[in-house]
Amino acid sequence: MNTTSMCQTSSSHNTTGLHMHRHSPTHTSFNWGHESRIIFSGWPGSSSGMYALALFFVFGLAVIVECLSYRSMVKPEANKVAAWFFKTAMHTIRAGLSYVVMLAVMSFNGGVFLAAVFGHAVGFLVFGSKAFGKHGDGGTEKVPNLSPRI
C-alpha cells in the first residue's frame, strides 16, 4: 500500500473540514458584533434588523420563563389530577424555554447575553417581586420553590 497517497487523502480531508469551519465560526469568548449565529444556522444573518429581532426574541423568552416561574395559573378549587397535569405541562414548557434561552446565550454574543439577563430581570420585577403585584394581600403570597430551575 502506498503511504504517500494515504497521507494526501487524509490531508485533503482535513483541508475540507477546515474550509467548512471558516464559514461558520464558533466563538469561545464574548463577541459584540451583530453578525452572529443564534440558535439556528443562518439566523439572524448579517442584517442589523434581524439581529435586533433576535435580541427582542431572547428578551421575550426570558420574560416568559420568569412569568411561568412565578405565576400559578391553576385555581385552588380545580380538579387535583387536572391541576397536576397542567402544572407538569407548564413546568415542561418553562424548562424547554429556559434551555432555548441558554442555547442563545451559548452563542457567546454579548448582546444576546445582556438581552437574556435583562429579560430575566424585567420578568422577575413584573412577576416575582411585589413591585407590580396585588396590593393589600399582606405579603402572604407564597413564592414557589425554584430549586430545579435552570
C-alpha atoms as a PDB file:
ATOM      1  CA  MET A   1       0.000   0.000   0.000  1.00  0.00           C
ATOM      2  CA  ASN A   2       1.290   3.432  -0.866  1.00  0.00           C
ATOM      3  CA  THR A   3       1.615   5.527   2.297  1.00  0.00           C
ATOM      4  CA  THR A   4       2.101   8.744   0.311  1.00  0.00           C
ATOM      5  CA  SER A   5      -1.377   8.522  -1.220  1.00  0.00           C
ATOM      6  CA  MET A   6      -2.872   7.799   2.226  1.00  0.00           C
ATOM      7  CA  CYS A   7      -1.295  10.946   3.647  1.00  0.00           C
ATOM      8  CA  GLN A   8      -2.535  13.029   0.746  1.00  0.00           C
ATOM      9  CA  THR A   9      -6.061  11.706   1.126  1.00  0.00           C
ATOM     10  CA  SER A  10      -6.008  12.398   4.832  1.00  0.00           C
ATOM     11  CA  SER A  11      -4.543  15.835   4.276  1.00  0.00           C
ATOM     12  CA  SER A  12      -7.153  16.790   1.671  1.00  0.00           C
ATOM     13  CA  HIS A  13      -9.907  15.621   4.022  1.00  0.00           C
ATOM     14  CA  ASN A  14      -8.626  17.835   6.834  1.00  0.00           C
ATOM     15  CA  THR A  15      -8.375  20.802   4.493  1.00  0.00           C
ATOM     16  CA  THR A  16     -12.014  20.364   3.509  1.00  0.00           C
ATOM     17  CA  GLY A  17     -13.004  20.176   7.168  1.00  0.00           C
ATOM     18  CA  LEU A  18     -11.109  23.359   7.980  1.00  0.00           C
ATOM     19  CA  HIS A  19     -12.628  25.099   4.984  1.00  0.00           C
ATOM     20  CA  MET A  20     -16.129  24.348   6.245  1.00  0.00           C
ATOM     21  CA  HIS A  21     -15.354  25.728   9.700  1.00  0.00           C
ATOM     22  CA  ARG A  22     -14.170  29.073   8.317  1.00  0.00           C
ATOM     23  CA  HIS A  23     -17.697  29.844   7.115  1.00  0.00           C
ATOM     24  CA  SER A  24     -19.343  29.108  10.466  1.00  0.00           C
ATOM     25  CA  PRO A  25     -17.094  30.428  13.231  1.00  0.00           C
ATOM     26  CA  THR A  26     -17.700  29.372  16.780  1.00  0.00           C
ATOM     27  CA  HIS A  27     -16.642  31.752  19.481  1.00  0.00           C
ATOM     28  CA  THR A  28     -15.279  30.790  22.870  1.00  0.00           C
ATOM     29  CA  SER A  29     -15.308  34.327  24.245  1.00  0.00           C
ATOM     30  CA  PHE A  30     -17.902  37.086  24.079  1.00  0.00           C
ATOM     31  CA  ASN A  31     -18.150  38.980  20.818  1.00  0.00           C
ATOM     32  CA  TRP A  32     -20.142  42.136  20.296  1.00  0.00           C
ATOM     33  CA  GLY A  33     -20.885  42.094  16.575  1.00  0.00           C
ATOM     34  CA  HIS A  34     -24.324  41.714  15.065  1.00  0.00           C
ATOM     35  CA  GLU A  35     -23.121  39.016  12.653  1.00  0.00           C
ATOM     36  CA  SER A  36     -23.587  36.049  14.914  1.00  0.00           C
ATOM     37  CA  ARG A  37     -25.342  32.705  14.698  1.00  0.00           C
ATOM     38  CA  ILE A  38     -28.005  32.444  17.404  1.00  0.00           C
ATOM     39  CA  ILE A  39     -29.759  29.121  17.953  1.00  0.00           C
ATOM     40  CA  PHE A  40     -30.294  28.360  14.227  1.00  0.00           C
ATOM     41  CA  SER A  41     -27.802  28.271  11.383  1.00  0.00           C
ATOM     42  CA  GLY A  42     -28.104  31.438   9.315  1.00  0.00           C
ATOM     43  CA  TRP A  43     -30.128  33.319  11.931  1.00  0.00           C
ATOM     44  CA  PRO A  44     -30.085  36.281  12.369  1.00  0.00           C
ATOM     45  CA  GLY A  45     -27.662  36.571   9.429  1.00  0.00           C
ATOM     46  CA  SER A  46     -25.840  39.802   8.668  1.00  0.00           C
ATOM     47  CA  SER A  47     -28.851  42.116   8.915  1.00  0.00           C
ATOM     48  CA  SER A  48     -28.900  44.541  11.845  1.00  0.00           C
ATOM     49  CA  GLY A  49     -32.693  44.434  11.859  1.00  0.00           C
ATOM     50  CA  MET A  50     -32.759  40.658  12.199  1.00  0.00           C
ATOM     51  CA  TYR A  51     -30.155  40.895  14.974  1.00  0.00           C
ATOM     52  CA  ALA A  52     -32.396  43.361  16.839  1.00  0.00           C
ATOM     53  CA  LEU A  53     -35.326  40.969  16.333  1.00  0.00           C
ATOM     54  CA  ALA A  54     -33.201  38.136  17.750  1.00  0.00           C
ATOM     55  CA  LEU A  55     -32.407  40.254  20.827  1.00  0.00           C
ATOM     56  CA  PHE A  56     -36.116  41.007  21.365  1.00  0.00           C
ATOM     57  CA  PHE A  57     -36.890  37.308  20.910  1.00  0.00           C
ATOM     58  CA  VAL A  58     -34.370  36.252  23.582  1.00  0.00           C
ATOM     59  CA  PHE A  59     -35.552  39.052  25.884  1.00  0.00           C
ATOM     60  CA  GLY A  60     -39.173  37.965  25.462  1.00  0.00           C
ATOM     61  CA  LEU A  61     -38.353  34.306  26.093  1.00  0.00           C
ATOM     62  CA  ALA A  62     -36.571  35.224  29.329  1.00  0.00           C
ATOM     63  CA  VAL A  63     -39.582  37.281  30.470  1.00  0.00           C
ATOM     64  CA  ILE A  64     -41.903  34.356  29.678  1.00  0.00           C
ATOM     65  CA  VAL A  65     -39.672  31.977  31.672  1.00  0.00           C
ATOM     66  CA  GLU A  66     -39.976  34.272  34.699  1.00  0.00           C
ATOM     67  CA  CYS A  67     -43.735  34.563  34.213  1.00  0.00           C
ATOM     68  CA  LEU A  68     -44.085  30.782  34.210  1.00  0.00           C
ATOM     69  CA  SER A  69     -41.830  30.580  37.278  1.00  0.00           C
ATOM     70  CA  TYR A  70     -43.830  32.923  39.488  1.00  0.00           C
ATOM     71  CA  ARG A  71     -47.446  32.797  38.370  1.00  0.00           C
ATOM     72  CA  SER A  72     -49.795  29.977  39.241  1.00  0.00           C
ATOM     73  CA  MET A  73     -52.456  29.576  36.600  1.00  0.00           C
ATOM     74  CA  VAL A  74     -54.385  26.893  38.482  1.00  0.00           C
ATOM     75  CA  LYS A  75     -57.367  27.865  40.606  1.00  0.00           C
ATOM     76  CA  PRO A  76     -57.431  26.362  44.114  1.00  0.00           C
ATOM     77  CA  GLU A  77     -60.811  24.702  43.505  1.00  0.00           C
ATOM     78  CA  ALA A  78     -59.586  22.938  40.310  1.00  0.00           C
ATOM     79  CA  ASN A  79     -59.604  19.167  39.940  1.00  0.00           C
ATOM     80  CA  LYS A  80     -56.409  17.872  41.613  1.00  0.00           C
ATOM     81  CA  VAL A  81     -55.465  15.479  38.799  1.00  0.00           C
ATOM     82  CA  ALA A  82     -56.133  18.020  36.062  1.00  0.00           C
ATOM     83  CA  ALA A  83     -54.215  20.652  38.027  1.00  0.00           C
ATOM     84  CA  TRP A  84     -51.277  18.267  38.416  1.00  0.00           C
ATOM     85  CA  PHE A  85     -51.148  17.588  34.665  1.00  0.00           C
ATOM     86  CA  PHE A  86     -51.441  21.294  33.880  1.00  0.00           C
ATOM     87  CA  LYS A  87     -48.653  22.187  36.328  1.00  0.00           C
ATOM     88  CA  THR A  88     -46.495  19.453  34.817  1.00  0.00           C
ATOM     89  CA  ALA A  89     -47.113  20.819  31.323  1.00  0.00           C
ATOM     90  CA  MET A  90     -46.277  24.367  32.443  1.00  0.00           C
ATOM     91  CA  HIS A  91     -43.087  23.146  34.142  1.00  0.00           C
ATOM     92  CA  THR A  92     -42.092  21.305  30.958  1.00  0.00           C
ATOM     93  CA  ILE A  93     -42.690  24.395  28.825  1.00  0.00           C
ATOM     94  CA  ARG A  94     -40.745  26.563  31.287  1.00  0.00           C
ATOM     95  CA  ALA A  95     -37.805  24.143  31.274  1.00  0.00           C
ATOM     96  CA  GLY A  96     -37.813  23.966  27.474  1.00  0.00           C
ATOM     97  CA  LEU A  97     -37.881  27.751  27.113  1.00  0.00           C
ATOM     98  CA  SER A  98     -35.109  28.046  29.704  1.00  0.00           C
ATOM     99  CA  TYR A  99     -32.961  25.721  27.610  1.00  0.00           C
ATOM    100  CA  VAL A 100     -33.654  27.766  24.473  1.00  0.00           C
ATOM    101  CA  VAL A 101     -32.524  30.928  26.300  1.00  0.00           C
ATOM    102  CA  MET A 102     -29.429  29.060  27.493  1.00  0.00           C
ATOM    103  CA  LEU A 103     -28.643  27.925  23.936  1.00  0.00           C
ATOM    104  CA  ALA A 104     -28.992  31.501  22.704  1.00  0.00           C
ATOM    105  CA  VAL A 105     -26.570  32.715  25.389  1.00  0.00           C
ATOM    106  CA  MET A 106     -24.151  29.984  24.314  1.00  0.00           C
ATOM    107  CA  SER A 107     -23.722  31.872  21.034  1.00  0.00           C
ATOM    108  CA  PHE A 108     -21.257  33.957  23.103  1.00  0.00           C
ATOM    109  CA  ASN A 109     -22.752  37.152  21.747  1.00  0.00           C
ATOM    110  CA  GLY A 110     -22.647  39.971  24.306  1.00  0.00           C
ATOM    111  CA  GLY A 111     -25.919  41.493  23.116  1.00  0.00           C
ATOM    112  CA  VAL A 112     -27.737  38.177  23.447  1.00  0.00           C
ATOM    113  CA  PHE A 113     -26.303  37.681  26.927  1.00  0.00           C
ATOM    114  CA  LEU A 114     -27.477  41.138  28.024  1.00  0.00           C
ATOM    115  CA  ALA A 115     -30.919  40.596  26.441  1.00  0.00           C
ATOM    116  CA  ALA A 116     -31.328  37.339  28.397  1.00  0.00           C
ATOM    117  CA  VAL A 117     -30.165  38.873  31.689  1.00  0.00           C
ATOM    118  CA  PHE A 118     -32.367  41.953  31.302  1.00  0.00           C
ATOM    119  CA  GLY A 119     -35.295  39.761  30.234  1.00  0.00           C
ATOM    120  CA  HIS A 120     -34.962  37.698  33.407  1.00  0.00           C
ATOM    121  CA  ALA A 121     -34.606  40.901  35.473  1.00  0.00           C
ATOM    122  CA  VAL A 122     -37.711  42.518  33.964  1.00  0.00           C
ATOM    123  CA  GLY A 123     -39.638  39.261  34.277  1.00  0.00           C
ATOM    124  CA  PHE A 124     -38.715  38.983  37.937  1.00  0.00           C
ATOM    125  CA  LEU A 125     -39.575  42.637  38.556  1.00  0.00           C
ATOM    126  CA  VAL A 126     -43.016  42.239  36.981  1.00  0.00           C
ATOM    127  CA  PHE A 127     -43.931  38.700  38.069  1.00  0.00           C
ATOM    128  CA  GLY A 128     -41.698  37.763  41.002  1.00  0.00           C
ATOM    129  CA  SER A 129     -41.467  40.890  43.089  1.00  0.00           C
ATOM    130  CA  LYS A 130     -44.205  42.808  44.850  1.00  0.00           C
ATOM    131  CA  ALA A 131     -43.492  45.911  42.758  1.00  0.00           C
ATOM    132  CA  PHE A 132     -46.426  45.261  40.400  1.00  0.00           C
ATOM    133  CA  GLY A 133     -48.243  42.641  42.484  1.00  0.00           C
ATOM    134  CA  LYS A 134     -51.630  42.828  44.130  1.00  0.00           C
ATOM    135  CA  HIS A 135     -51.895  45.395  46.867  1.00  0.00           C
ATOM    136  CA  GLY A 136     -53.403  44.563  50.197  1.00  0.00           C
ATOM    137  CA  ASP A 137     -52.506  40.874  50.279  1.00  0.00           C
ATOM    138  CA  GLY A 138     -50.307  41.478  53.320  1.00  0.00           C
ATOM    139  CA  GLY A 139     -47.344  39.748  51.688  1.00  0.00           C
ATOM    140  CA  THR A 140     -48.812  36.293  52.296  1.00  0.00           C
ATOM    141  CA  GLU A 141     -48.338  35.109  48.724  1.00  0.00           C
ATOM    142  CA  LYS A 142     -46.010  32.133  48.739  1.00  0.00           C
ATOM    143  CA  VAL A 143     -43.035  32.311  46.378  1.00  0.00           C
ATOM    144  CA  PRO A 144     -42.605  28.952  44.584  1.00  0.00           C
ATOM    145  CA  ASN A 145     -39.612  26.731  45.190  1.00  0.00           C
ATOM    146  CA  LEU A 146     -37.377  27.262  42.177  1.00  0.00           C
ATOM    147  CA  SER A 147     -34.537  24.907  43.116  1.00  0.00           C
ATOM    148  CA  PRO A 148     -34.672  22.766  39.927  1.00  0.00           C
ATOM    149  CA  ARG A 149     -34.725  25.904  37.818  1.00  0.00           C
ATOM    150  CA  ILE A 150     -32.244  26.356  35.010  1.00  0.00           C
END
